């Protein structure tokens, strides 16, 4: 459950990772993000960012969030109603899989991707 400032509570349906694209077109991720179906907009908890090892700095009306490697994840100006509105370009993960049926490739995979010279060396 998540409790808001007005005393209302909503159930958390899940927890996961969001992959987003930064302004420099690099992909970054936020971990342990709550999935709440009743919510109309996404809210990022500064407390959760802190617990995950992120650095949060607010200075002169600008919020900066850095990950554990000190890479800038977000830089947001304060809005007129004193909120920091972050417009993330959430990316859909892509899973690429390959399958081989040829004998040499099967043995290559079975041996933990050992080089072909090692897989088929003659004694």
PDB file of N, CA and C in Angstrom:
ATOM      1  N   UNK A   1       0.843  -1.189   0.000  1.00  0.00           N
ATOM      2  CA  UNK A   1       0.000   0.000   0.000  1.00  0.00           C
ATOM      3  C   UNK A   1       0.888   1.253   0.000  1.00  0.00           C
ATOM      4  N   UNK A   2       0.405   2.270  -0.671  1.00  0.00           N
ATOM      5  CA  UNK A   2       1.054   3.581  -0.657  1.00  0.00           C
ATOM      6  C   UNK A   2       0.080   4.551  -0.024  1.00  0.00           C
ATOM      7  N   UNK A   3       0.574   5.336   0.932  1.00  0.00           N
ATOM      8  CA  UNK A   3      -0.258   6.333   1.607  1.00  0.00           C
ATOM      9  C   UNK A   3       0.165   7.719   1.131  1.00  0.00           C
ATOM     10  N   UNK A   4      -0.825   8.520   0.705  1.00  0.00           N
ATOM     11  CA  UNK A   4      -0.566   9.865   0.213  1.00  0.00           C
ATOM     12  C   UNK A   4      -0.758  10.889   1.318  1.00  0.00           C
ATOM     13  N   UNK A   5      -0.350  12.115   1.042  1.00  0.00           N
ATOM     14  CA  UNK A   5      -0.427  13.201   2.017  1.00  0.00           C
ATOM     15  C   UNK A   5      -1.835  13.498   2.493  1.00  0.00           C
ATOM     16  N   UNK A   6      -2.860  13.197   1.681  1.00  0.00           N
ATOM     17  CA  UNK A   6      -4.241  13.451   2.086  1.00  0.00           C
ATOM     18  C   UNK A   6      -4.836  12.304   2.894  1.00  0.00           C
ATOM     19  N   UNK A   7      -4.018  11.284   3.203  1.00  0.00           N
ATOM     20  CA  UNK A   7      -4.475  10.140   3.990  1.00  0.00           C
ATOM     21  C   UNK A   7      -5.019   8.990   3.164  1.00  0.00           C
ATOM     22  N   UNK A   8      -5.215   9.191   1.874  1.00  0.00           N
ATOM     23  CA  UNK A   8      -5.727   8.109   1.030  1.00  0.00           C
ATOM     24  C   UNK A   8      -4.639   7.057   0.804  1.00  0.00           C
ATOM     25  N   UNK A   9      -5.097   5.843   0.528  1.00  0.00           N
ATOM     26  CA  UNK A   9      -4.185   4.725   0.292  1.00  0.00           C
ATOM     27  C   UNK A   9      -4.575   4.002  -0.992  1.00  0.00           C
ATOM     28  N   UNK A  10      -3.579   3.505  -1.697  1.00  0.00           N
ATOM     29  CA  UNK A  10      -3.827   2.685  -2.889  1.00  0.00           C
ATOM     30  C   UNK A  10      -2.929   1.449  -2.825  1.00  0.00           C
ATOM     31  N   UNK A  11      -3.409   0.388  -3.452  1.00  0.00           N
ATOM     32  CA  UNK A  11      -2.667  -0.868  -3.451  1.00  0.00           C
ATOM     33  C   UNK A  11      -1.606  -0.863  -4.548  1.00  0.00           C
ATOM     34  N   UNK A  12      -0.476  -1.461  -4.251  1.00  0.00           N
ATOM     35  CA  UNK A  12       0.607  -1.635  -5.219  1.00  0.00           C
ATOM     36  C   UNK A  12       0.412  -3.004  -5.864  1.00  0.00           C
ATOM     37  N   UNK A  13       0.256  -3.030  -7.199  1.00  0.00           N
ATOM     38  CA  UNK A  13       0.039  -4.293  -7.898  1.00  0.00           C
ATOM     39  C   UNK A  13       1.341  -4.994  -8.264  1.00  0.00           C
ATOM     40  N   UNK A  14       2.422  -4.268  -8.339  1.00  0.00           N
ATOM     41  CA  UNK A  14       3.688  -4.881  -8.706  1.00  0.00           C
ATOM     42  C   UNK A  14       4.843  -3.911  -8.557  1.00  0.00           C
ATOM     43  N   UNK A  15       6.027  -4.434  -8.790  1.00  0.00           N
ATOM     44  CA  UNK A  15       7.248  -3.639  -8.704  1.00  0.00           C
ATOM     45  C   UNK A  15       8.148  -4.071  -9.842  1.00  0.00           C
ATOM     46  N   UNK A  16       8.819  -3.105 -10.479  1.00  0.00           N
ATOM     47  CA  UNK A  16       9.652  -3.482 -11.609  1.00  0.00           C
ATOM     48  C   UNK A  16      10.644  -2.410 -11.995  1.00  0.00           C
ATOM     49  N   UNK A  17      11.069  -2.470 -13.249  1.00  0.00           N
ATOM     50  CA  UNK A  17      12.084  -1.569 -13.792  1.00  0.00           C
ATOM     51  C   UNK A  17      11.476  -0.807 -14.956  1.00  0.00           C
ATOM     52  N   UNK A  18      11.770   0.485 -15.023  1.00  0.00           N
ATOM     53  CA  UNK A  18      11.372   1.301 -16.165  1.00  0.00           C
ATOM     54  C   UNK A  18      12.642   1.700 -16.904  1.00  0.00           C
ATOM     55  N   UNK A  19      12.661   1.433 -18.206  1.00  0.00           N
ATOM     56  CA  UNK A  19      13.779   1.854 -19.052  1.00  0.00           C
ATOM     57  C   UNK A  19      13.321   3.094 -19.801  1.00  0.00           C
ATOM     58  N   UNK A  20      14.129   4.140 -19.741  1.00  0.00           N
ATOM     59  CA  UNK A  20      13.753   5.375 -20.422  1.00  0.00           C
ATOM     60  C   UNK A  20      14.930   5.922 -21.203  1.00  0.00           C
ATOM     61  N   UNK A  21      14.615   6.804 -22.137  1.00  0.00           N
ATOM     62  CA  UNK A  21      15.618   7.422 -23.000  1.00  0.00           C
ATOM     63  C   UNK A  21      15.896   8.831 -22.509  1.00  0.00           C
ATOM     64  N   UNK A  22      17.164   9.135 -22.285  1.00  0.00           N
ATOM     65  CA  UNK A  22      17.575  10.476 -21.861  1.00  0.00           C
ATOM     66  C   UNK A  22      17.611  11.418 -23.067  1.00  0.00           C
ATOM     67  N   UNK A  23      17.833  12.695 -22.801  1.00  0.00           N
ATOM     68  CA  UNK A  23      17.916  13.665 -23.891  1.00  0.00           C
ATOM     69  C   UNK A  23      19.097  13.398 -24.812  1.00  0.00           C
ATOM     70  N   UNK A  24      20.144  12.737 -24.297  1.00  0.00           N
ATOM     71  CA  UNK A  24      21.296  12.404 -25.136  1.00  0.00           C
ATOM     72  C   UNK A  24      21.108  11.064 -25.861  1.00  0.00           C
ATOM     73  N   UNK A  25      19.873  10.539 -25.839  1.00  0.00           N
ATOM     74  CA  UNK A  25      19.472   9.286 -26.487  1.00  0.00           C
ATOM     75  C   UNK A  25      20.070   8.031 -25.863  1.00  0.00           C
ATOM     76  N   UNK A  26      20.657   8.142 -24.687  1.00  0.00           N
ATOM     77  CA  UNK A  26      21.148   6.969 -23.973  1.00  0.00           C
ATOM     78  C   UNK A  26      20.003   6.394 -23.148  1.00  0.00           C
ATOM     79  N   UNK A  27      20.039   5.088 -22.939  1.00  0.00           N
ATOM     80  CA  UNK A  27      19.019   4.428 -22.132  1.00  0.00           C
ATOM     81  C   UNK A  27      19.484   4.337 -20.682  1.00  0.00           C
ATOM     82  N   UNK A  28      18.577   4.630 -19.782  1.00  0.00           N
ATOM     83  CA  UNK A  28      18.833   4.505 -18.346  1.00  0.00           C
ATOM     84  C   UNK A  28      17.623   3.805 -17.734  1.00  0.00           C
ATOM     85  N   UNK A  29      17.751   3.394 -16.480  1.00  0.00           N
ATOM     86  CA  UNK A  29      16.614   2.728 -15.860  1.00  0.00           C
ATOM     87  C   UNK A  29      16.424   3.160 -14.416  1.00  0.00           C
ATOM     88  N   UNK A  30      15.176   3.080 -14.000  1.00  0.00           N
ATOM     89  CA  UNK A  30      14.801   3.265 -12.606  1.00  0.00           C
ATOM     90  C   UNK A  30      14.354   1.903 -12.098  1.00  0.00           C
ATOM     91  N   UNK A  31      14.889   1.481 -10.941  1.00  0.00           N
ATOM     92  CA  UNK A  31      14.570   0.170 -10.384  1.00  0.00           C
ATOM     93  C   UNK A  31      13.530   0.308  -9.276  1.00  0.00           C
ATOM     94  N   UNK A  32      12.876  -0.783  -8.981  1.00  0.00           N
ATOM     95  CA  UNK A  32      11.890  -0.870  -7.898  1.00  0.00           C
ATOM     96  C   UNK A  32      10.774   0.157  -8.034  1.00  0.00           C
ATOM     97  N   UNK A  33      10.303   0.365  -9.258  1.00  0.00           N
ATOM     98  CA  UNK A  33       9.207   1.290  -9.520  1.00  0.00           C
ATOM     99  C   UNK A  33       7.895   0.570  -9.227  1.00  0.00           C
ATOM    100  N   UNK A  34       6.996   1.225  -8.499  1.00  0.00           N
ATOM    101  CA  UNK A  34       5.710   0.628  -8.167  1.00  0.00           C
ATOM    102  C   UNK A  34       4.739   0.742  -9.338  1.00  0.00           C
ATOM    103  N   UNK A  35       3.960  -0.307  -9.545  1.00  0.00           N
ATOM    104  CA  UNK A  35       2.887  -0.288 -10.536  1.00  0.00           C
ATOM    105  C   UNK A  35       1.566  -0.167  -9.784  1.00  0.00           C
ATOM    106  N   UNK A  36       0.875   0.951  -9.997  1.00  0.00           N
ATOM    107  CA  UNK A  36      -0.387   1.228  -9.316  1.00  0.00           C
ATOM    108  C   UNK A  36      -1.414   1.572 -10.387  1.00  0.00           C
ATOM    109  N   UNK A  37      -2.419   0.720 -10.559  1.00  0.00           N
ATOM    110  CA  UNK A  37      -3.371   0.914 -11.646  1.00  0.00           C
ATOM    111  C   UNK A  37      -4.312   2.096 -11.417  1.00  0.00           C
ATOM    112  N   UNK A  38      -4.616   2.446 -10.162  1.00  0.00           N
ATOM    113  CA  UNK A  38      -5.556   3.536  -9.895  1.00  0.00           C
ATOM    114  C   UNK A  38      -4.952   4.914 -10.124  1.00  0.00           C
ATOM    115  N   UNK A  39      -3.690   4.986 -10.351  1.00  0.00           N
ATOM    116  CA  UNK A  39      -3.002   6.269 -10.482  1.00  0.00           C
ATOM    117  C   UNK A  39      -3.102   6.806 -11.910  1.00  0.00           C
ATOM    118  N   UNK A  40      -3.451   8.084 -12.038  1.00  0.00           N
ATOM    119  CA  UNK A  40      -3.557   8.714 -13.364  1.00  0.00           C
ATOM    120  C   UNK A  40      -2.194   9.151 -13.889  1.00  0.00           C
ATOM    121  N   UNK A  41      -1.289   9.480 -12.996  1.00  0.00           N
ATOM    122  CA  UNK A  41       0.044   9.910 -13.401  1.00  0.00           C
ATOM    123  C   UNK A  41       1.080   9.166 -12.570  1.00  0.00           C
ATOM    124  N   UNK A  42       2.286   9.159 -13.051  1.00  0.00           N
ATOM    125  CA  UNK A  42       3.370   8.485 -12.336  1.00  0.00           C
ATOM    126  C   UNK A  42       4.000   9.441 -11.339  1.00  0.00           C
ATOM    127  N   UNK A  43       4.346   8.902 -10.185  1.00  0.00           N
ATOM    128  CA  UNK A  43       5.007   9.695  -9.150  1.00  0.00           C
ATOM    129  C   UNK A  43       6.299   8.981  -8.783  1.00  0.00           C
ATOM    130  N   UNK A  44       7.378   9.733  -8.751  1.00  0.00           N
ATOM    131  CA  UNK A  44       8.668   9.174  -8.344  1.00  0.00           C
ATOM    132  C   UNK A  44       8.916   9.595  -6.907  1.00  0.00           C
ATOM    133  N   UNK A  45       9.175   8.626  -6.050  1.00  0.00           N
ATOM    134  CA  UNK A  45       9.435   8.888  -4.638  1.00  0.00           C
ATOM    135  C   UNK A  45      10.909   9.232  -4.434  1.00  0.00           C
ATOM    136  N   UNK A  46      11.160  10.396  -3.883  1.00  0.00           N
ATOM    137  CA  UNK A  46      12.540  10.794  -3.595  1.00  0.00           C
ATOM    138  C   UNK A  46      13.136   9.857  -2.547  1.00  0.00           C
ATOM    139  N   UNK A  47      12.312   9.408  -1.608  1.00  0.00           N
ATOM    140  CA  UNK A  47      12.774   8.452  -0.606  1.00  0.00           C
ATOM    141  C   UNK A  47      13.233   7.152  -1.230  1.00  0.00           C
ATOM    142  N   UNK A  48      12.473   6.660  -2.222  1.00  0.00           N
ATOM    143  CA  UNK A  48      12.873   5.435  -2.910  1.00  0.00           C
ATOM    144  C   UNK A  48      14.152   5.646  -3.706  1.00  0.00           C
ATOM    145  N   UNK A  49      14.281   6.802  -4.351  1.00  0.00           N
ATOM    146  CA  UNK A  49      15.517   7.084  -5.085  1.00  0.00           C
ATOM    147  C   UNK A  49      16.714   7.056  -4.148  1.00  0.00           C
ATOM    148  N   UNK A  50      16.543   7.633  -2.970  1.00  0.00           N
ATOM    149  CA  UNK A  50      17.604   7.657  -1.970  1.00  0.00           C
ATOM    150  C   UNK A  50      17.951   6.237  -1.523  1.00  0.00           C
ATOM    151  N   UNK A  51      16.931   5.425  -1.264  1.00  0.00           N
ATOM    152  CA  UNK A  51      17.167   4.048  -0.821  1.00  0.00           C
ATOM    153  C   UNK A  51      17.885   3.217  -1.877  1.00  0.00           C
ATOM    154  N   UNK A  52      17.669   3.533  -3.143  1.00  0.00           N
ATOM    155  CA  UNK A  52      18.316   2.787  -4.235  1.00  0.00           C
ATOM    156  C   UNK A  52      19.721   3.298  -4.544  1.00  0.00           C
ATOM    157  N   UNK A  53      20.191   4.293  -3.804  1.00  0.00           N
ATOM    158  CA  UNK A  53      21.542   4.791  -4.004  1.00  0.00           C
ATOM    159  C   UNK A  53      21.658   5.937  -4.979  1.00  0.00           C
ATOM    160  N   UNK A  54      20.528   6.502  -5.396  1.00  0.00           N
ATOM    161  CA  UNK A  54      20.572   7.651  -6.303  1.00  0.00           C
ATOM    162  C   UNK A  54      20.852   8.920  -5.513  1.00  0.00           C
ATOM    163  N   UNK A  55      21.385   9.903  -6.198  1.00  0.00           N
ATOM    164  CA  UNK A  55      21.631  11.208  -5.592  1.00  0.00           C
ATOM    165  C   UNK A  55      20.568  12.170  -6.100  1.00  0.00           C
ATOM    166  N   UNK A  56      19.913  12.871  -5.174  1.00  0.00           N
ATOM    167  CA  UNK A  56      18.884  13.837  -5.530  1.00  0.00           C
ATOM    168  C   UNK A  56      19.329  15.198  -5.012  1.00  0.00           C
ATOM    169  N   UNK A  57      19.414  16.174  -5.917  1.00  0.00           N
ATOM    170  CA  UNK A  57      19.840  17.516  -5.544  1.00  0.00           C
ATOM    171  C   UNK A  57      18.824  18.516  -6.083  1.00  0.00           C
ATOM    172  N   UNK A  58      18.331  19.369  -5.203  1.00  0.00           N
ATOM    173  CA  UNK A  58      17.431  20.444  -5.613  1.00  0.00           C
ATOM    174  C   UNK A  58      18.110  21.754  -5.243  1.00  0.00           C
ATOM    175  N   UNK A  59      18.344  22.574  -6.268  1.00  0.00           N
ATOM    176  CA  UNK A  59      19.014  23.849  -6.038  1.00  0.00           C
ATOM    177  C   UNK A  59      18.525  24.851  -7.076  1.00  0.00           C
ATOM    178  N   UNK A  60      18.163  26.043  -6.625  1.00  0.00           N
ATOM    179  CA  UNK A  60      17.734  27.132  -7.504  1.00  0.00           C
ATOM    180  C   UNK A  60      16.604  26.707  -8.446  1.00  0.00           C
ATOM    181  N   UNK A  61      15.652  25.919  -7.924  1.00  0.00           N
ATOM    182  CA  UNK A  61      14.496  25.526  -8.712  1.00  0.00           C
ATOM    183  C   UNK A  61      14.756  24.438  -9.734  1.00  0.00           C
ATOM    184  N   UNK A  62      15.877  23.749  -9.620  1.00  0.00           N
ATOM    185  CA  UNK A  62      16.197  22.663 -10.553  1.00  0.00           C
ATOM    186  C   UNK A  62      16.472  21.389  -9.756  1.00  0.00           C
ATOM    187  N   UNK A  63      15.787  20.321 -10.136  1.00  0.00           N
ATOM    188  CA  UNK A  63      15.972  19.010  -9.528  1.00  0.00           C
ATOM    189  C   UNK A  63      16.874  18.185 -10.425  1.00  0.00           C
ATOM    190  N   UNK A  64      17.926  17.620  -9.844  1.00  0.00           N
ATOM    191  CA  UNK A  64      18.834  16.736 -10.585  1.00  0.00           C
ATOM    192  C   UNK A  64      18.860  15.381  -9.889  1.00  0.00           C
ATOM    193  N   UNK A  65      18.720  14.323 -10.698  1.00  0.00           N
ATOM    194  CA  UNK A  65      18.782  12.964 -10.180  1.00  0.00           C
ATOM    195  C   UNK A  65      19.941  12.266 -10.865  1.00  0.00           C
ATOM    196  N   UNK A  66      20.835  11.693 -10.053  1.00  0.00           N
ATOM    197  CA  UNK A  66      21.981  10.947 -10.579  1.00  0.00           C
ATOM    198  C   UNK A  66      21.924   9.520 -10.057  1.00  0.00           C
ATOM    199  N   UNK A  67      22.371   8.572 -10.898  1.00  0.00           N
ATOM    200  CA  UNK A  67      22.387   7.175 -10.481  1.00  0.00           C
ATOM    201  C   UNK A  67      23.630   6.895  -9.636  1.00  0.00           C
ATOM    202  N   UNK A  68      23.830   5.633  -9.284  1.00  0.00           N
ATOM    203  CA  UNK A  68      24.948   5.249  -8.417  1.00  0.00           C
ATOM    204  C   UNK A  68      26.306   5.514  -9.056  1.00  0.00           C
ATOM    205  N   UNK A  69      26.357   5.555 -10.393  1.00  0.00           N
ATOM    206  CA  UNK A  69      27.607   5.847 -11.097  1.00  0.00           C
ATOM    207  C   UNK A  69      27.755   7.341 -11.382  1.00  0.00           C
ATOM    208  N   UNK A  70      26.921   8.159 -10.764  1.00  0.00           N
ATOM    209  CA  UNK A  70      26.932   9.619 -10.914  1.00  0.00           C
ATOM    210  C   UNK A  70      26.541  10.088 -12.308  1.00  0.00           C
ATOM    211  N   UNK A  71      25.866   9.233 -13.084  1.00  0.00           N
ATOM    212  CA  UNK A  71      25.356   9.654 -14.389  1.00  0.00           C
ATOM    213  C   UNK A  71      24.048  10.410 -14.176  1.00  0.00           C
ATOM    214  N   UNK A  72      23.880  11.489 -14.887  1.00  0.00           N
ATOM    215  CA  UNK A  72      22.669  12.296 -14.772  1.00  0.00           C
ATOM    216  C   UNK A  72      21.495  11.552 -15.391  1.00  0.00           C
ATOM    217  N   UNK A  73      20.471  11.274 -14.572  1.00  0.00           N
ATOM    218  CA  UNK A  73      19.269  10.608 -15.059  1.00  0.00           C
ATOM    219  C   UNK A  73      18.211  11.615 -15.478  1.00  0.00           C
ATOM    220  N   UNK A  74      18.098  12.693 -14.705  1.00  0.00           N
ATOM    221  CA  UNK A  74      17.060  13.682 -15.007  1.00  0.00           C
ATOM    222  C   UNK A  74      17.457  15.040 -14.456  1.00  0.00           C
ATOM    223  N   UNK A  75      17.036  16.062 -15.175  1.00  0.00           N
ATOM    224  CA  UNK A  75      17.226  17.455 -14.760  1.00  0.00           C
ATOM    225  C   UNK A  75      15.907  18.156 -15.066  1.00  0.00           C
ATOM    226  N   UNK A  76      15.221  18.630 -14.014  1.00  0.00           N
ATOM    227  CA  UNK A  76      13.866  19.142 -14.166  1.00  0.00           C
ATOM    228  C   UNK A  76      13.734  20.489 -13.466  1.00  0.00           C
ATOM    229  N   UNK A  77      13.125  21.458 -14.161  1.00  0.00           N
ATOM    230  CA  UNK A  77      12.838  22.755 -13.552  1.00  0.00           C
ATOM    231  C   UNK A  77      11.525  22.685 -12.785  1.00  0.00           C
ATOM    232  N   UNK A  78      11.455  23.421 -11.700  1.00  0.00           N
ATOM    233  CA  UNK A  78      10.244  23.481 -10.887  1.00  0.00           C
ATOM    234  C   UNK A  78       9.144  24.194 -11.667  1.00  0.00           C
ATOM    235  N   UNK A  79       7.921  23.644 -11.610  1.00  0.00           N
ATOM    236  CA  UNK A  79       6.787  24.269 -12.302  1.00  0.00           C
ATOM    237  C   UNK A  79       6.193  25.369 -11.416  1.00  0.00           C
ATOM    238  N   UNK A  80       5.217  26.102 -11.958  1.00  0.00           N
ATOM    239  CA  UNK A  80       4.602  27.208 -11.222  1.00  0.00           C
ATOM    240  C   UNK A  80       3.876  26.731  -9.971  1.00  0.00           C
ATOM    241  N   UNK A  81       3.346  25.505 -10.003  1.00  0.00           N
ATOM    242  CA  UNK A  81       2.654  25.005  -8.807  1.00  0.00           C
ATOM    243  C   UNK A  81       3.589  24.246  -7.862  1.00  0.00           C
ATOM    244  N   UNK A  82       4.882  24.464  -8.025  1.00  0.00           N
ATOM    245  CA  UNK A  82       5.939  23.954  -7.149  1.00  0.00           C
ATOM    246  C   UNK A  82       6.140  22.444  -7.228  1.00  0.00           C
ATOM    247  N   UNK A  83       5.762  21.858  -8.356  1.00  0.00           N
ATOM    248  CA  UNK A  83       6.025  20.446  -8.602  1.00  0.00           C
ATOM    249  C   UNK A  83       7.152  20.323  -9.620  1.00  0.00           C
ATOM    250  N   UNK A  84       7.845  19.217  -9.571  1.00  0.00           N
ATOM    251  CA  UNK A  84       8.882  18.917 -10.549  1.00  0.00           C
ATOM    252  C   UNK A  84       8.303  17.869 -11.496  1.00  0.00           C
ATOM    253  N   UNK A  85       7.909  18.286 -12.680  1.00  0.00           N
ATOM    254  CA  UNK A  85       7.255  17.407 -13.636  1.00  0.00           C
ATOM    255  C   UNK A  85       8.297  16.831 -14.592  1.00  0.00           C
ATOM    256  N   UNK A  86       8.459  15.542 -14.519  1.00  0.00           N
ATOM    257  CA  UNK A  86       9.462  14.842 -15.312  1.00  0.00           C
ATOM    258  C   UNK A  86       8.773  14.129 -16.462  1.00  0.00           C
ATOM    259  N   UNK A  87       9.117  14.500 -17.684  1.00  0.00           N
ATOM    260  CA  UNK A  87       8.540  13.893 -18.871  1.00  0.00           C
ATOM    261  C   UNK A  87       9.512  12.831 -19.384  1.00  0.00           C
ATOM    262  N   UNK A  88       9.274  11.583 -18.998  1.00  0.00           N
ATOM    263  CA  UNK A  88      10.153  10.485 -19.406  1.00  0.00           C
ATOM    264  C   UNK A  88       9.669   9.862 -20.699  1.00  0.00           C
ATOM    265  N   UNK A  89      10.604   9.512 -21.536  1.00  0.00           N
ATOM    266  CA  UNK A  89      10.300   8.755 -22.751  1.00  0.00           C
ATOM    267  C   UNK A  89      10.554   7.284 -22.424  1.00  0.00           C
ATOM    268  N   UNK A  90       9.510   6.620 -21.923  1.00  0.00           N
ATOM    269  CA  UNK A  90       9.645   5.231 -21.498  1.00  0.00           C
ATOM    270  C   UNK A  90       9.783   4.348 -22.728  1.00  0.00           C
ATOM    271  N   UNK A  91      10.768   3.477 -22.701  1.00  0.00           N
ATOM    272  CA  UNK A  91      11.050   2.570 -23.807  1.00  0.00           C
ATOM    273  C   UNK A  91      10.481   1.196 -23.506  1.00  0.00           C
ATOM    274  N   UNK A  92      10.052   0.521 -24.531  1.00  0.00           N
ATOM    275  CA  UNK A  92       9.598  -0.859 -24.403  1.00  0.00           C
ATOM    276  C   UNK A  92      10.803  -1.772 -24.584  1.00  0.00           C
ATOM    277  N   UNK A  93      11.041  -2.700 -23.647  1.00  0.00           N
ATOM    278  CA  UNK A  93      12.185  -3.597 -23.797  1.00  0.00           C
ATOM    279  C   UNK A  93      12.010  -4.521 -24.991  1.00  0.00           C
ATOM    280  N   UNK A  94      13.118  -4.842 -25.622  1.00  0.00           N
ATOM    281  CA  UNK A  94      13.114  -5.731 -26.783  1.00  0.00           C
ATOM    282  C   UNK A  94      13.935  -6.962 -26.414  1.00  0.00           C
ATOM    283  N   UNK A  95      13.376  -8.114 -26.659  1.00  0.00           N
ATOM    284  CA  UNK A  95      14.083  -9.361 -26.381  1.00  0.00           C
ATOM    285  C   UNK A  95      14.469  -9.989 -27.712  1.00  0.00           C
ATOM    286  N   UNK A  96      15.738 -10.169 -27.904  1.00  0.00           N
ATOM    287  CA  UNK A  96      16.233 -10.799 -29.128  1.00  0.00           C
ATOM    288  C   UNK A  96      16.716 -12.206 -28.779  1.00  0.00           C
ATOM    289  N   UNK A  97      16.264 -13.176 -29.517  1.00  0.00           N
ATOM    290  CA  UNK A  97      16.679 -14.558 -29.262  1.00  0.00           C
ATOM    291  C   UNK A  97      17.122 -15.199 -30.570  1.00  0.00           C
ATOM    292  N   UNK A  98      18.088 -16.070 -30.455  1.00  0.00           N
ATOM    293  CA  UNK A  98      18.575 -16.792 -31.621  1.00  0.00           C
ATOM    294  C   UNK A  98      18.548 -18.282 -31.295  1.00  0.00           C
ATOM    295  N   UNK A  99      18.301 -19.067 -32.312  1.00  0.00           N
ATOM    296  CA  UNK A  99      18.258 -20.504 -32.121  1.00  0.00           C
ATOM    297  C   UNK A  99      19.017 -21.165 -33.265  1.00  0.00           C
ATOM    298  N   UNK A 100      19.883 -22.086 -32.889  1.00  0.00           N
ATOM    299  CA  UNK A 100      20.660 -22.793 -33.898  1.00  0.00           C
ATOM    300  C   UNK A 100      20.322 -24.278 -33.845  1.00  0.00           C
ATOM    301  N   UNK A 101      20.189 -24.886 -35.002  1.00  0.00           N
ATOM    302  CA  UNK A 101      19.920 -26.322 -35.054  1.00  0.00           C
ATOM    303  C   UNK A 101      21.083 -27.094 -35.665  1.00  0.00           C
ATOM    304  N   UNK A 102      22.062 -26.378 -36.201  1.00  0.00           N
ATOM    305  CA  UNK A 102      23.206 -27.061 -36.798  1.00  0.00           C
ATOM    306  C   UNK A 102      24.108 -27.598 -35.682  1.00  0.00           C
ATOM    307  N   UNK A 103      24.626 -28.792 -35.885  1.00  0.00           N
ATOM    308  CA  UNK A 103      25.422 -29.496 -34.883  1.00  0.00           C
ATOM    309  C   UNK A 103      26.599 -28.668 -34.321  1.00  0.00           C
ATOM    310  N   UNK A 104      27.438 -28.039 -35.151  1.00  0.00           N
ATOM    311  CA  UNK A 104      28.559 -27.274 -34.578  1.00  0.00           C
ATOM    312  C   UNK A 104      28.094 -26.159 -33.641  1.00  0.00           C
ATOM    313  N   UNK A 105      27.013 -25.478 -34.002  1.00  0.00           N
ATOM    314  CA  UNK A 105      26.520 -24.395 -33.147  1.00  0.00           C
ATOM    315  C   UNK A 105      25.926 -24.934 -31.846  1.00  0.00           C
ATOM    316  N   UNK A 106      25.281 -26.089 -31.892  1.00  0.00           N
ATOM    317  CA  UNK A 106      24.739 -26.685 -30.669  1.00  0.00           C
ATOM    318  C   UNK A 106      25.860 -27.021 -29.687  1.00  0.00           C
ATOM    319  N   UNK A 107      26.949 -27.625 -30.199  1.00  0.00           N
ATOM    320  CA  UNK A 107      28.069 -27.960 -29.320  1.00  0.00           C
ATOM    321  C   UNK A 107      28.775 -26.704 -28.829  1.00  0.00           C
ATOM    322  N   UNK A 108      28.845 -25.699 -29.662  1.00  0.00           N
ATOM    323  CA  UNK A 108      29.428 -24.415 -29.266  1.00  0.00           C
ATOM    324  C   UNK A 108      28.672 -23.860 -28.047  1.00  0.00           C
ATOM    325  N   UNK A 109      27.351 -23.913 -28.085  1.00  0.00           N
ATOM    326  CA  UNK A 109      26.538 -23.433 -26.968  1.00  0.00           C
ATOM    327  C   UNK A 109      26.669 -24.357 -25.759  1.00  0.00           C
ATOM    328  N   UNK A 110      26.674 -25.650 -25.976  1.00  0.00           N
ATOM    329  CA  UNK A 110      26.773 -26.606 -24.865  1.00  0.00           C
ATOM    330  C   UNK A 110      28.076 -26.448 -24.090  1.00  0.00           C
ATOM    331  N   UNK A 111      29.144 -26.091 -24.777  1.00  0.00           N
ATOM    332  CA  UNK A 111      30.439 -25.898 -24.125  1.00  0.00           C
ATOM    333  C   UNK A 111      30.620 -24.481 -23.602  1.00  0.00           C
ATOM    334  N   UNK A 112      29.547 -23.771 -23.399  1.00  0.00           N
ATOM    335  CA  UNK A 112      29.640 -22.420 -22.826  1.00  0.00           C
ATOM    336  C   UNK A 112      30.265 -21.426 -23.773  1.00  0.00           C
ATOM    337  N   UNK A 113      30.004 -21.575 -25.068  1.00  0.00           N
ATOM    338  CA  UNK A 113      30.488 -20.673 -26.113  1.00  0.00           C
ATOM    339  C   UNK A 113      32.011 -20.668 -26.219  1.00  0.00           C
ATOM    340  N   UNK A 114      32.573 -21.840 -25.984  1.00  0.00           N
ATOM    341  CA  UNK A 114      33.995 -22.064 -26.190  1.00  0.00           C
ATOM    342  C   UNK A 114      34.309 -21.860 -27.663  1.00  0.00           C
ATOM    343  N   UNK A 115      35.521 -21.453 -27.993  1.00  0.00           N
ATOM    344  CA  UNK A 115      35.849 -21.205 -29.391  1.00  0.00           C
ATOM    345  C   UNK A 115      35.679 -22.478 -30.215  1.00  0.00           C
ATOM    346  N   UNK A 116      35.384 -22.316 -31.496  1.00  0.00           N
ATOM    347  CA  UNK A 116      35.188 -23.472 -32.362  1.00  0.00           C
ATOM    348  C   UNK A 116      36.443 -24.332 -32.424  1.00  0.00           C
ATOM    349  N   UNK A 117      37.620 -23.707 -32.349  1.00  0.00           N
ATOM    350  CA  UNK A 117      38.873 -24.480 -32.387  1.00  0.00           C
ATOM    351  C   UNK A 117      38.955 -25.431 -31.194  1.00  0.00           C
ATOM    352  N   UNK A 118      38.506 -24.986 -30.028  1.00  0.00           N
ATOM    353  CA  UNK A 118      38.542 -25.813 -28.824  1.00  0.00           C
ATOM    354  C   UNK A 118      37.452 -26.896 -28.871  1.00  0.00           C
ATOM    355  N   UNK A 119      36.273 -26.535 -29.393  1.00  0.00           N
ATOM    356  CA  UNK A 119      35.162 -27.497 -29.430  1.00  0.00           C
ATOM    357  C   UNK A 119      35.509 -28.711 -30.295  1.00  0.00           C
ATOM    358  N   UNK A 120      36.183 -28.477 -31.402  1.00  0.00           N
ATOM    359  CA  UNK A 120      36.394 -29.524 -32.376  1.00  0.00           C
ATOM    360  C   UNK A 120      37.874 -29.856 -32.561  1.00  0.00           C
ATOM    361  N   UNK A 121      38.678 -29.627 -31.539  1.00  0.00           N
ATOM    362  CA  UNK A 121      40.117 -29.947 -31.633  1.00  0.00           C
ATOM    363  C   UNK A 121      40.294 -31.452 -31.699  1.00  0.00           C
ATOM    364  N   UNK A 122      41.245 -31.877 -32.514  1.00  0.00           N
ATOM    365  CA  UNK A 122      41.527 -33.300 -32.653  1.00  0.00           C
ATOM    366  C   UNK A 122      42.563 -33.680 -31.608  1.00  0.00           C
ATOM    367  N   UNK A 123      42.349 -34.806 -30.972  1.00  0.00           N
ATOM    368  CA  UNK A 123      43.282 -35.297 -29.944  1.00  0.00           C
ATOM    369  C   UNK A 123      44.470 -35.960 -30.579  1.00  0.00           C
TER     370      UNK A 123
END
